[in-house]
Amino acid sequence: MSQPGTLGSLVGKLHVQRIERQECDRSGHHPIAKLIERLGPDYRLTDWLHELTRDCSRKNQAGVTRACGAVMPDLAKLR
């Protein structure tokens, strides 16, 4: 059984993980099966979100530490 907060923990609960970025109007959807195939079931969702937003200009401003506002809205439905 996969640990909470990992890609594997979404199996049977979500088919696609949506990402919404309100600050920059970028969004997307990523099939869980393909993410697990590429990254493995134990890959942490927070690490994946960090990697996905690595190139965000709002996140990477010189001298500023802040998030870019990217969220995974479907996770709230799983609680």
N, C-alpha and C. Protein backbone atom coordinates (compact mmCIF):
# COMPACT_ATOMS: atom_id res chain seq x y z
N MET A 1 0.84 -1.18 0.00
CA MET A 1 0.00 0.00 0.00
C MET A 1 0.89 1.24 0.00
N SER A 2 0.52 2.21 -0.81
CA SER A 2 1.30 3.44 -0.92
C SER A 2 1.08 4.36 0.26
N GLN A 3 2.10 5.12 0.56
CA GLN A 3 2.04 6.10 1.64
C GLN A 3 1.16 7.29 1.24
N PRO A 4 0.47 7.90 2.20
CA PRO A 4 -0.31 9.11 1.89
C PRO A 4 0.60 10.19 1.31
N GLY A 5 0.08 10.95 0.37
CA GLY A 5 0.85 12.04 -0.22
C GLY A 5 1.75 11.63 -1.37
N THR A 6 1.59 10.39 -1.83
CA THR A 6 2.39 9.91 -2.96
C THR A 6 1.50 9.71 -4.17
N LEU A 7 2.11 9.59 -5.33
CA LEU A 7 1.34 9.30 -6.54
C LEU A 7 0.56 8.00 -6.39
N GLY A 8 1.17 7.00 -5.81
CA GLY A 8 0.50 5.71 -5.64
C GLY A 8 -0.73 5.78 -4.77
N SER A 9 -0.79 6.74 -3.86
CA SER A 9 -1.95 6.86 -3.00
C SER A 9 -3.19 7.35 -3.75
N LEU A 10 -3.01 7.80 -4.99
CA LEU A 10 -4.13 8.28 -5.79
C LEU A 10 -4.76 7.20 -6.66
N VAL A 11 -4.11 6.05 -6.76
CA VAL A 11 -4.63 4.96 -7.58
C VAL A 11 -6.01 4.54 -7.06
N GLY A 12 -6.95 4.46 -7.97
CA GLY A 12 -8.32 4.09 -7.61
C GLY A 12 -9.15 5.25 -7.08
N LYS A 13 -8.52 6.40 -6.90
CA LYS A 13 -9.23 7.57 -6.40
C LYS A 13 -9.35 8.65 -7.47
N LEU A 14 -8.29 8.84 -8.23
CA LEU A 14 -8.26 9.81 -9.32
C LEU A 14 -7.63 9.17 -10.54
N HIS A 15 -8.13 9.51 -11.70
CA HIS A 15 -7.52 9.05 -12.95
C HIS A 15 -6.56 10.10 -13.50
N VAL A 16 -6.87 11.37 -13.17
CA VAL A 16 -6.09 12.50 -13.66
C VAL A 16 -5.86 13.47 -12.50
N GLN A 17 -4.66 14.00 -12.42
CA GLN A 17 -4.36 15.03 -11.42
C GLN A 17 -4.34 16.37 -12.14
N ARG A 18 -5.26 17.24 -11.77
CA ARG A 18 -5.30 18.58 -12.36
C ARG A 18 -4.43 19.54 -11.56
N ILE A 19 -3.82 20.48 -12.28
CA ILE A 19 -3.03 21.55 -11.68
C ILE A 19 -3.63 22.86 -12.14
N GLU A 20 -3.86 23.76 -11.20
CA GLU A 20 -4.33 25.10 -11.53
C GLU A 20 -3.35 26.10 -10.95
N ARG A 21 -3.00 27.07 -11.77
CA ARG A 21 -2.08 28.13 -11.35
C ARG A 21 -2.78 29.46 -11.54
N GLN A 22 -3.37 29.97 -10.50
CA GLN A 22 -4.17 31.18 -10.59
C GLN A 22 -3.35 32.42 -10.86
N GLU A 23 -2.13 32.45 -10.42
CA GLU A 23 -1.28 33.63 -10.58
C GLU A 23 -0.90 33.88 -12.03
N CYS A 24 -0.73 32.81 -12.80
CA CYS A 24 -0.25 32.98 -14.17
C CYS A 24 -1.17 32.37 -15.23
N ASP A 25 -2.34 31.91 -14.84
CA ASP A 25 -3.32 31.33 -15.77
C ASP A 25 -2.82 30.08 -16.49
N ARG A 26 -1.82 29.43 -15.97
CA ARG A 26 -1.37 28.17 -16.55
C ARG A 26 -2.07 27.05 -15.81
N SER A 27 -2.47 26.03 -16.53
CA SER A 27 -3.11 24.89 -15.90
C SER A 27 -2.82 23.66 -16.74
N GLY A 28 -3.18 22.51 -16.21
CA GLY A 28 -2.96 21.28 -16.94
C GLY A 28 -3.55 20.10 -16.23
N HIS A 29 -3.53 18.97 -16.90
CA HIS A 29 -3.98 17.73 -16.29
C HIS A 29 -3.01 16.62 -16.68
N HIS A 30 -2.77 15.73 -15.73
CA HIS A 30 -1.74 14.71 -15.88
C HIS A 30 -2.31 13.36 -15.46
N PRO A 31 -2.35 12.39 -16.37
CA PRO A 31 -2.86 11.06 -16.02
C PRO A 31 -2.00 10.41 -14.93
N ILE A 32 -2.66 9.93 -13.90
CA ILE A 32 -1.97 9.31 -12.77
C ILE A 32 -1.13 8.11 -13.23
N ALA A 33 -1.68 7.27 -14.09
CA ALA A 33 -0.94 6.08 -14.55
C ALA A 33 0.37 6.45 -15.24
N LYS A 34 0.34 7.49 -16.04
CA LYS A 34 1.56 7.92 -16.73
C LYS A 34 2.57 8.52 -15.77
N LEU A 35 2.08 9.27 -14.77
CA LEU A 35 2.98 9.82 -13.76
C LEU A 35 3.67 8.70 -12.98
N ILE A 36 2.90 7.69 -12.60
CA ILE A 36 3.47 6.56 -11.85
C ILE A 36 4.46 5.80 -12.71
N GLU A 37 4.14 5.63 -13.99
CA GLU A 37 5.05 4.94 -14.91
C GLU A 37 6.38 5.67 -15.02
N ARG A 38 6.31 6.99 -15.06
CA ARG A 38 7.51 7.81 -15.23
C ARG A 38 8.28 8.03 -13.93
N LEU A 39 7.55 8.27 -12.82
CA LEU A 39 8.19 8.67 -11.57
C LEU A 39 8.18 7.62 -10.47
N GLY A 40 7.25 6.67 -10.56
CA GLY A 40 7.13 5.64 -9.54
C GLY A 40 6.02 5.96 -8.55
N PRO A 41 5.44 4.95 -7.92
CA PRO A 41 4.32 5.15 -7.01
C PRO A 41 4.68 5.85 -5.71
N ASP A 42 5.94 5.83 -5.33
CA ASP A 42 6.34 6.44 -4.07
C ASP A 42 6.78 7.90 -4.20
N TYR A 43 6.68 8.44 -5.41
CA TYR A 43 7.06 9.83 -5.63
C TYR A 43 6.06 10.74 -4.94
N ARG A 44 6.55 11.67 -4.15
CA ARG A 44 5.68 12.55 -3.35
C ARG A 44 5.02 13.62 -4.22
N LEU A 45 3.76 13.87 -3.96
CA LEU A 45 3.02 14.89 -4.71
C LEU A 45 3.64 16.27 -4.55
N THR A 46 4.12 16.59 -3.38
CA THR A 46 4.74 17.90 -3.16
C THR A 46 6.02 18.05 -3.98
N ASP A 47 6.79 16.97 -4.11
CA ASP A 47 8.01 17.02 -4.93
C ASP A 47 7.65 17.19 -6.40
N TRP A 48 6.59 16.51 -6.83
CA TRP A 48 6.15 16.61 -8.22
C TRP A 48 5.67 18.04 -8.53
N LEU A 49 4.90 18.63 -7.63
CA LEU A 49 4.42 20.00 -7.84
C LEU A 49 5.59 20.98 -7.88
N HIS A 50 6.57 20.76 -7.02
CA HIS A 50 7.77 21.61 -7.02
C HIS A 50 8.49 21.52 -8.37
N GLU A 51 8.66 20.32 -8.88
CA GLU A 51 9.33 20.13 -10.17
C GLU A 51 8.51 20.76 -11.30
N LEU A 52 7.21 20.59 -11.25
CA LEU A 52 6.33 21.10 -12.29
C LEU A 52 6.35 22.62 -12.36
N THR A 53 6.52 23.26 -11.24
CA THR A 53 6.50 24.73 -11.19
C THR A 53 7.90 25.34 -11.12
N ARG A 54 8.90 24.54 -11.35
CA ARG A 54 10.28 24.99 -11.24
C ARG A 54 10.58 26.21 -12.12
N ASP A 55 9.96 26.28 -13.30
CA ASP A 55 10.25 27.37 -14.22
C ASP A 55 9.30 28.56 -14.09
N CYS A 56 8.48 28.58 -13.08
CA CYS A 56 7.51 29.66 -12.91
C CYS A 56 8.23 30.96 -12.54
N SER A 57 8.00 31.99 -13.34
CA SER A 57 8.68 33.27 -13.10
C SER A 57 8.21 33.93 -11.80
N ARG A 58 6.97 33.70 -11.41
CA ARG A 58 6.47 34.28 -10.16
C ARG A 58 7.09 33.60 -8.94
N LYS A 59 7.43 32.35 -9.08
CA LYS A 59 8.03 31.59 -7.98
C LYS A 59 9.52 31.93 -7.84
N ASN A 60 10.15 32.26 -8.94
CA ASN A 60 11.60 32.41 -8.96
C ASN A 60 12.09 33.84 -9.09
N GLN A 61 11.40 34.78 -8.51
CA GLN A 61 11.85 36.17 -8.57
C GLN A 61 13.07 36.35 -7.66
N ALA A 62 14.04 37.08 -8.14
CA ALA A 62 15.26 37.31 -7.37
C ALA A 62 14.92 38.00 -6.05
N GLY A 63 15.42 37.45 -4.96
CA GLY A 63 15.25 38.03 -3.65
C GLY A 63 13.89 37.81 -3.02
N VAL A 64 13.02 37.07 -3.69
CA VAL A 64 11.67 36.85 -3.18
C VAL A 64 11.44 35.36 -3.00
N THR A 65 10.94 34.99 -1.86
CA THR A 65 10.59 33.59 -1.63
C THR A 65 9.08 33.51 -1.50
N ARG A 66 8.45 32.96 -2.51
CA ARG A 66 7.01 32.76 -2.45
C ARG A 66 6.60 31.68 -3.43
N ALA A 67 5.46 31.11 -3.18
CA ALA A 67 4.94 30.08 -4.07
C ALA A 67 4.29 30.74 -5.28
N CYS A 68 4.12 29.98 -6.33
CA CYS A 68 3.51 30.53 -7.54
C CYS A 68 2.00 30.41 -7.52
N GLY A 69 1.43 29.83 -6.53
CA GLY A 69 -0.01 29.70 -6.43
C GLY A 69 -0.57 28.44 -7.08
N ALA A 70 0.29 27.52 -7.51
CA ALA A 70 -0.18 26.29 -8.13
C ALA A 70 -0.84 25.40 -7.07
N VAL A 71 -1.99 24.84 -7.44
CA VAL A 71 -2.73 23.97 -6.54
C VAL A 71 -3.19 22.72 -7.27
N MET A 72 -3.46 21.69 -6.51
CA MET A 72 -4.03 20.44 -7.02
C MET A 72 -5.45 20.34 -6.46
N PRO A 73 -6.44 20.95 -7.14
CA PRO A 73 -7.77 21.10 -6.57
C PRO A 73 -8.51 19.80 -6.29
N ASP A 74 -8.21 18.75 -7.00
CA ASP A 74 -8.93 17.49 -6.81
C ASP A 74 -8.56 16.78 -5.52
N LEU A 75 -7.44 17.14 -4.91
CA LEU A 75 -7.03 16.49 -3.67
C LEU A 75 -7.99 16.82 -2.53
N ALA A 76 -8.57 18.01 -2.54
CA ALA A 76 -9.50 18.40 -1.49
C ALA A 76 -10.76 17.52 -1.50
N LYS A 77 -11.13 17.01 -2.65
CA LYS A 77 -12.31 16.15 -2.77
C LYS A 77 -12.09 14.78 -2.16
N LEU A 78 -10.84 14.41 -1.96
CA LEU A 78 -10.52 13.07 -1.46
C LEU A 78 -10.60 12.97 0.04
N ARG A 79 -10.73 14.05 0.75
CA ARG A 79 -10.74 14.04 2.21
C ARG A 79 -12.02 13.51 2.76
